[in-house]
Each structure stands twice: as C-alpha cells, then as structure tokens.
Amino acid sequence: MRIIKTPIAISELKQIAEDTFGDLVKAMVDIEKGIMAIGGELHSDEEGLLIEEGSNQHDLWGINFYPQAEDEDWIEFDSIINIRPSQENRSRGVDNPETRKKIFGMVNRLVKR
C-alpha cells in the first residue's frame, strides 16, 4: 500500500492490478487533500493509512480502478465504506455529483493515462 501525492503512470496501476486482484486496484481518495491510497486488500486498510497521515474520514471515498478499460468505466464507485447516512450517501457508490466530480478531477490529475 502506498499514498499517491504526485502523478503515476497507468502502467503502474496495471502492474498493481496484475499483482493483486488481476484486473482491479482498490483506492481510497481524500477529496480535500487531493491524494489517494492504493494497493490495499481492503478499502478500510487504505482508509486507515490515510487517517494515520492526517486525513479526515469525512473526506475519504472508496473507488476501484480497472486500468485495462478504455472508457470512463475504468473508475468504479463501489465500496461499503461509502455507505454514510450522516453524509446523505446511502449506497456503496458516491451519490453526490459534486463529490464524484472532485474524485474524477483528482484521479485525472494523479493518474497519467
């Protein structure tokens, strides 16, 4: 597991996917700090790493990358960690369009495709 603060190549994500789940990489994004943790077996592992680094749980969202995919579907908004009734997010996805927009912007900055 590691924290990504500067851009990485999509080829790195492809290698991480091959080394772990085969076709996907779990990631936890901090939409306030603009960083993410990748490479964990569980989103909660990555969440713990970011919290240790000073992230606020309120700003963290779980996503999955499918680095082999060619279209927008390479990012999946699906994690149990995202179920947060207190933030009006009652699904495993990311329901708020503004939050999704922030995540897309951050990922586009941090992953060079």
N, C-alpha and C. Protein backbone atom coordinates (compact mmCIF):
# COMPACT_ATOMS: atom_id res chain seq x y z
N MET A 1 0.84 -1.18 0.00
CA MET A 1 0.00 0.00 0.00
C MET A 1 0.88 1.24 0.00
N ARG A 2 0.39 2.23 -0.72
CA ARG A 2 1.13 3.49 -0.71
C ARG A 2 0.21 4.66 -0.99
N ILE A 3 0.67 5.82 -0.56
CA ILE A 3 -0.08 7.05 -0.77
C ILE A 3 0.46 7.72 -2.03
N ILE A 4 -0.46 8.15 -2.89
CA ILE A 4 -0.10 8.82 -4.13
C ILE A 4 -0.39 10.31 -3.98
N LYS A 5 0.67 11.11 -4.07
CA LYS A 5 0.56 12.57 -3.99
C LYS A 5 0.95 13.23 -5.30
N THR A 6 1.74 12.52 -6.09
CA THR A 6 2.19 13.02 -7.39
C THR A 6 1.76 12.02 -8.46
N PRO A 7 1.65 12.46 -9.70
CA PRO A 7 1.13 11.57 -10.75
C PRO A 7 1.91 10.28 -10.93
N ILE A 8 1.15 9.21 -11.20
CA ILE A 8 1.73 7.91 -11.53
C ILE A 8 1.20 7.51 -12.91
N ALA A 9 1.90 6.64 -13.55
CA ALA A 9 1.50 6.17 -14.88
C ALA A 9 0.46 5.06 -14.76
N ILE A 10 -0.41 5.00 -15.73
CA ILE A 10 -1.42 3.94 -15.76
C ILE A 10 -0.75 2.57 -15.79
N SER A 11 0.44 2.50 -16.35
CA SER A 11 1.16 1.22 -16.39
C SER A 11 1.46 0.72 -14.98
N GLU A 12 1.69 1.64 -14.04
CA GLU A 12 1.90 1.22 -12.64
C GLU A 12 0.63 0.61 -12.07
N LEU A 13 -0.52 1.23 -12.38
CA LEU A 13 -1.79 0.67 -11.90
C LEU A 13 -2.04 -0.70 -12.51
N LYS A 14 -1.70 -0.86 -13.78
CA LYS A 14 -1.87 -2.16 -14.43
C LYS A 14 -1.03 -3.22 -13.73
N GLN A 15 0.18 -2.86 -13.35
CA GLN A 15 1.05 -3.82 -12.67
C GLN A 15 0.52 -4.16 -11.28
N ILE A 16 0.04 -3.16 -10.57
CA ILE A 16 -0.55 -3.40 -9.25
C ILE A 16 -1.76 -4.31 -9.38
N ALA A 17 -2.59 -4.07 -10.39
CA ALA A 17 -3.77 -4.93 -10.61
C ALA A 17 -3.34 -6.36 -10.85
N GLU A 18 -2.35 -6.55 -11.71
CA GLU A 18 -1.87 -7.90 -12.01
C GLU A 18 -1.32 -8.59 -10.77
N ASP A 19 -0.64 -7.82 -9.91
CA ASP A 19 -0.03 -8.38 -8.71
C ASP A 19 -1.03 -8.67 -7.59
N THR A 20 -2.22 -8.07 -7.67
CA THR A 20 -3.19 -8.24 -6.58
C THR A 20 -4.44 -8.97 -7.05
N PHE A 21 -5.42 -8.25 -7.58
CA PHE A 21 -6.72 -8.83 -7.91
C PHE A 21 -6.83 -9.27 -9.37
N GLY A 22 -5.85 -9.01 -10.17
CA GLY A 22 -5.88 -9.41 -11.57
C GLY A 22 -6.33 -8.33 -12.51
N ASP A 23 -7.47 -7.69 -12.21
CA ASP A 23 -7.97 -6.68 -13.13
C ASP A 23 -8.36 -5.36 -12.46
N LEU A 24 -8.25 -5.28 -11.13
CA LEU A 24 -8.65 -4.05 -10.47
C LEU A 24 -7.68 -3.66 -9.38
N VAL A 25 -7.71 -2.36 -9.07
CA VAL A 25 -6.92 -1.79 -7.98
C VAL A 25 -7.89 -1.04 -7.09
N LYS A 26 -7.89 -1.37 -5.81
CA LYS A 26 -8.70 -0.62 -4.86
C LYS A 26 -7.97 0.67 -4.51
N ALA A 27 -8.75 1.73 -4.31
CA ALA A 27 -8.16 3.01 -3.95
C ALA A 27 -9.09 3.73 -2.97
N MET A 28 -8.49 4.52 -2.11
CA MET A 28 -9.22 5.40 -1.21
C MET A 28 -8.74 6.81 -1.51
N VAL A 29 -9.67 7.69 -1.87
CA VAL A 29 -9.30 9.05 -2.23
C VAL A 29 -9.68 10.03 -1.13
N ASP A 30 -8.83 11.01 -0.93
CA ASP A 30 -9.08 12.10 0.00
C ASP A 30 -9.39 13.32 -0.85
N ILE A 31 -10.68 13.69 -0.94
CA ILE A 31 -11.07 14.77 -1.84
C ILE A 31 -10.66 16.15 -1.32
N GLU A 32 -10.31 16.25 -0.07
CA GLU A 32 -9.87 17.54 0.48
C GLU A 32 -8.37 17.75 0.22
N LYS A 33 -7.58 16.73 0.47
CA LYS A 33 -6.12 16.84 0.30
C LYS A 33 -5.67 16.55 -1.13
N GLY A 34 -6.53 15.92 -1.93
CA GLY A 34 -6.18 15.59 -3.31
C GLY A 34 -5.14 14.49 -3.43
N ILE A 35 -5.22 13.52 -2.51
CA ILE A 35 -4.30 12.38 -2.52
C ILE A 35 -5.11 11.10 -2.48
N MET A 36 -4.44 9.98 -2.71
CA MET A 36 -5.13 8.70 -2.62
C MET A 36 -4.17 7.62 -2.15
N ALA A 37 -4.75 6.59 -1.55
CA ALA A 37 -4.00 5.40 -1.17
C ALA A 37 -4.42 4.30 -2.12
N ILE A 38 -3.44 3.51 -2.58
CA ILE A 38 -3.73 2.41 -3.50
C ILE A 38 -3.01 1.15 -3.03
N GLY A 39 -3.47 0.02 -3.56
CA GLY A 39 -2.76 -1.23 -3.34
C GLY A 39 -3.17 -2.03 -2.13
N GLY A 40 -4.20 -1.61 -1.43
CA GLY A 40 -4.65 -2.36 -0.27
C GLY A 40 -5.56 -3.51 -0.65
N GLU A 41 -5.65 -4.47 0.23
CA GLU A 41 -6.56 -5.58 0.00
C GLU A 41 -8.01 -5.14 0.25
N LEU A 42 -8.18 -4.22 1.21
CA LEU A 42 -9.49 -3.68 1.54
C LEU A 42 -9.44 -2.16 1.52
N HIS A 43 -10.56 -1.53 1.18
CA HIS A 43 -10.62 -0.07 1.24
C HIS A 43 -10.34 0.41 2.67
N SER A 44 -10.77 -0.36 3.65
CA SER A 44 -10.56 0.05 5.04
C SER A 44 -9.07 0.10 5.40
N ASP A 45 -8.26 -0.76 4.79
CA ASP A 45 -6.81 -0.70 5.03
C ASP A 45 -6.25 0.63 4.53
N GLU A 46 -6.69 1.03 3.35
CA GLU A 46 -6.23 2.29 2.76
C GLU A 46 -6.77 3.48 3.55
N GLU A 47 -8.00 3.37 4.01
CA GLU A 47 -8.58 4.41 4.85
C GLU A 47 -7.73 4.61 6.11
N GLY A 48 -7.35 3.52 6.75
CA GLY A 48 -6.51 3.60 7.95
C GLY A 48 -5.19 4.28 7.68
N LEU A 49 -4.57 3.96 6.54
CA LEU A 49 -3.30 4.58 6.18
C LEU A 49 -3.46 6.08 6.01
N LEU A 50 -4.51 6.51 5.32
CA LEU A 50 -4.72 7.94 5.11
C LEU A 50 -5.05 8.66 6.42
N ILE A 51 -5.82 8.03 7.28
CA ILE A 51 -6.14 8.65 8.58
C ILE A 51 -4.87 8.79 9.41
N GLU A 52 -3.99 7.79 9.37
CA GLU A 52 -2.70 7.90 10.06
C GLU A 52 -1.89 9.08 9.55
N GLU A 53 -2.08 9.42 8.28
CA GLU A 53 -1.37 10.54 7.67
C GLU A 53 -2.09 11.88 7.86
N GLY A 54 -3.20 11.87 8.60
CA GLY A 54 -3.88 13.12 8.93
C GLY A 54 -5.14 13.42 8.14
N SER A 55 -5.60 12.48 7.33
CA SER A 55 -6.84 12.69 6.59
C SER A 55 -8.04 12.60 7.52
N ASN A 56 -9.10 13.28 7.14
CA ASN A 56 -10.37 13.25 7.87
C ASN A 56 -11.27 12.23 7.20
N GLN A 57 -11.84 11.30 7.95
CA GLN A 57 -12.66 10.24 7.38
C GLN A 57 -13.81 10.79 6.54
N HIS A 58 -14.32 11.93 6.89
CA HIS A 58 -15.41 12.59 6.16
C HIS A 58 -15.04 12.85 4.70
N ASP A 59 -13.75 13.02 4.42
CA ASP A 59 -13.27 13.35 3.08
C ASP A 59 -12.83 12.14 2.26
N LEU A 60 -12.95 10.95 2.82
CA LEU A 60 -12.43 9.75 2.16
C LEU A 60 -13.54 8.95 1.48
N TRP A 61 -13.24 8.51 0.26
CA TRP A 61 -14.20 7.73 -0.53
C TRP A 61 -13.48 6.56 -1.18
N GLY A 62 -14.13 5.41 -1.19
CA GLY A 62 -13.56 4.20 -1.79
C GLY A 62 -13.97 4.06 -3.25
N ILE A 63 -13.00 3.78 -4.09
CA ILE A 63 -13.24 3.54 -5.52
C ILE A 63 -12.40 2.36 -5.97
N ASN A 64 -12.66 1.89 -7.17
CA ASN A 64 -11.87 0.84 -7.78
C ASN A 64 -11.44 1.30 -9.16
N PHE A 65 -10.22 0.95 -9.53
CA PHE A 65 -9.73 1.22 -10.88
C PHE A 65 -9.69 -0.08 -11.66
N TYR A 66 -10.08 -0.01 -12.92
CA TYR A 66 -9.91 -1.11 -13.87
C TYR A 66 -8.98 -0.57 -14.96
N PRO A 67 -7.67 -0.61 -14.74
CA PRO A 67 -6.72 0.07 -15.62
C PRO A 67 -6.68 -0.43 -17.06
N GLN A 68 -7.21 -1.62 -17.33
CA GLN A 68 -7.24 -2.12 -18.70
C GLN A 68 -8.39 -1.53 -19.51
N ALA A 69 -9.40 -0.99 -18.83
CA ALA A 69 -10.57 -0.43 -19.51
C ALA A 69 -10.19 0.84 -20.27
N GLU A 70 -10.83 1.04 -21.40
CA GLU A 70 -10.50 2.17 -22.26
C GLU A 70 -11.43 3.37 -22.08
N ASP A 71 -12.59 3.19 -21.49
CA ASP A 71 -13.55 4.29 -21.39
C ASP A 71 -13.66 4.78 -19.95
N GLU A 72 -14.65 5.63 -19.70
CA GLU A 72 -14.85 6.18 -18.35
C GLU A 72 -15.13 5.12 -17.31
N ASP A 73 -15.53 3.94 -17.75
CA ASP A 73 -15.84 2.86 -16.80
C ASP A 73 -14.61 2.30 -16.11
N TRP A 74 -13.45 2.87 -16.36
CA TRP A 74 -12.25 2.37 -15.69
C TRP A 74 -12.26 2.76 -14.21
N ILE A 75 -13.14 3.69 -13.82
CA ILE A 75 -13.31 4.06 -12.41
C ILE A 75 -14.67 3.58 -11.96
N GLU A 76 -14.68 2.80 -10.88
CA GLU A 76 -15.92 2.28 -10.32
C GLU A 76 -16.11 2.86 -8.92
N PHE A 77 -17.28 3.41 -8.68
CA PHE A 77 -17.62 3.96 -7.37
C PHE A 77 -18.39 2.89 -6.62
N ASP A 78 -17.66 2.03 -5.89
CA ASP A 78 -18.31 0.93 -5.19
C ASP A 78 -17.46 0.49 -4.00
N SER A 79 -17.94 0.83 -2.81
CA SER A 79 -17.27 0.40 -1.59
C SER A 79 -18.24 0.48 -0.43
N ILE A 80 -18.19 -0.52 0.42
CA ILE A 80 -19.02 -0.49 1.63
C ILE A 80 -18.70 0.74 2.46
N ILE A 81 -17.47 1.17 2.42
CA ILE A 81 -17.03 2.33 3.20
C ILE A 81 -17.80 3.60 2.82
N ASN A 82 -18.36 3.61 1.61
CA ASN A 82 -19.08 4.80 1.13
C ASN A 82 -20.49 4.93 1.70
N ILE A 83 -20.98 3.91 2.36
CA ILE A 83 -22.32 3.99 2.95
C ILE A 83 -22.23 4.90 4.18
N ARG A 84 -22.79 6.10 4.03
CA ARG A 84 -22.71 7.12 5.08
C ARG A 84 -24.01 7.90 5.17
N PRO A 85 -24.96 7.39 5.88
CA PRO A 85 -26.22 8.13 6.01
C PRO A 85 -26.02 9.54 6.57
N SER A 86 -25.02 9.73 7.42
CA SER A 86 -24.78 11.05 8.01
C SER A 86 -24.34 12.07 6.95
N GLN A 87 -23.85 11.59 5.81
CA GLN A 87 -23.45 12.46 4.70
C GLN A 87 -24.43 12.32 3.53
N GLU A 88 -25.60 11.76 3.83
CA GLU A 88 -26.65 11.55 2.83
C GLU A 88 -26.19 10.66 1.68
N ASN A 89 -25.29 9.73 1.97
CA ASN A 89 -24.85 8.75 0.98
C ASN A 89 -25.28 7.38 1.50
N ARG A 90 -26.35 6.87 0.94
CA ARG A 90 -26.94 5.62 1.43
C ARG A 90 -26.60 4.42 0.56
N SER A 91 -25.70 4.59 -0.38
CA SER A 91 -25.32 3.48 -1.26
C SER A 91 -23.83 3.21 -1.15
N ARG A 92 -23.39 2.14 -1.81
CA ARG A 92 -21.96 1.83 -1.88
C ARG A 92 -21.26 2.73 -2.89
N GLY A 93 -22.03 3.46 -3.66
CA GLY A 93 -21.47 4.38 -4.65
C GLY A 93 -21.16 5.73 -4.03
N VAL A 94 -21.00 6.73 -4.88
CA VAL A 94 -20.83 8.11 -4.44
C VAL A 94 -21.99 8.87 -5.07
N ASP A 95 -23.00 9.18 -4.27
CA ASP A 95 -24.25 9.71 -4.78
C ASP A 95 -24.20 11.19 -5.15
N ASN A 96 -23.39 11.96 -4.46
CA ASN A 96 -23.34 13.41 -4.69
C ASN A 96 -22.55 13.71 -5.98
N PRO A 97 -23.18 14.36 -6.97
CA PRO A 97 -22.48 14.66 -8.22
C PRO A 97 -21.24 15.54 -8.05
N GLU A 98 -21.27 16.44 -7.10
CA GLU A 98 -20.09 17.30 -6.86
C GLU A 98 -18.92 16.49 -6.31
N THR A 99 -19.21 15.56 -5.43
CA THR A 99 -18.16 14.70 -4.88
C THR A 99 -17.57 13.83 -5.99
N ARG A 100 -18.43 13.27 -6.83
CA ARG A 100 -17.95 12.46 -7.96
C ARG A 100 -17.07 13.30 -8.88
N LYS A 101 -17.47 14.53 -9.13
CA LYS A 101 -16.70 15.44 -9.99
C LYS A 101 -15.32 15.69 -9.39
N LYS A 102 -15.26 15.90 -8.07
CA LYS A 102 -13.97 16.10 -7.40
C LYS A 102 -13.09 14.86 -7.54
N ILE A 103 -13.70 13.69 -7.39
CA ILE A 103 -12.93 12.45 -7.50
C ILE A 103 -12.39 12.28 -8.92
N PHE A 104 -13.23 12.49 -9.93
CA PHE A 104 -12.76 12.39 -11.32
C PHE A 104 -11.61 13.36 -11.58
N GLY A 105 -11.74 14.61 -11.11
CA GLY A 105 -10.70 15.60 -11.31
C GLY A 105 -9.39 15.20 -10.65
N MET A 106 -9.48 14.70 -9.44
CA MET A 106 -8.30 14.28 -8.70
C MET A 106 -7.63 13.09 -9.39
N VAL A 107 -8.44 12.11 -9.78
CA VAL A 107 -7.87 10.92 -10.44
C VAL A 107 -7.22 11.32 -11.76
N ASN A 108 -7.86 12.20 -12.53
CA ASN A 108 -7.27 12.64 -13.79
C ASN A 108 -5.94 13.37 -13.59
N ARG A 109 -5.79 14.02 -12.44
CA ARG A 109 -4.53 14.70 -12.12
C ARG A 109 -3.46 13.70 -11.66
N LEU A 110 -3.88 12.67 -10.92
CA LEU A 110 -2.92 11.76 -10.31
C LEU A 110 -2.56 10.54 -11.16
N VAL A 111 -3.38 10.20 -12.14
CA VAL A 111 -3.10 9.02 -12.98
C VAL A 111 -2.94 9.47 -14.42
N LYS A 112 -1.77 9.24 -14.96
CA LYS A 112 -1.47 9.60 -16.36
C LYS A 112 -1.83 8.46 -17.27
N ARG A 113 -2.88 8.65 -18.07
CA ARG A 113 -3.37 7.61 -18.99
C ARG A 113 -2.76 7.80 -20.36
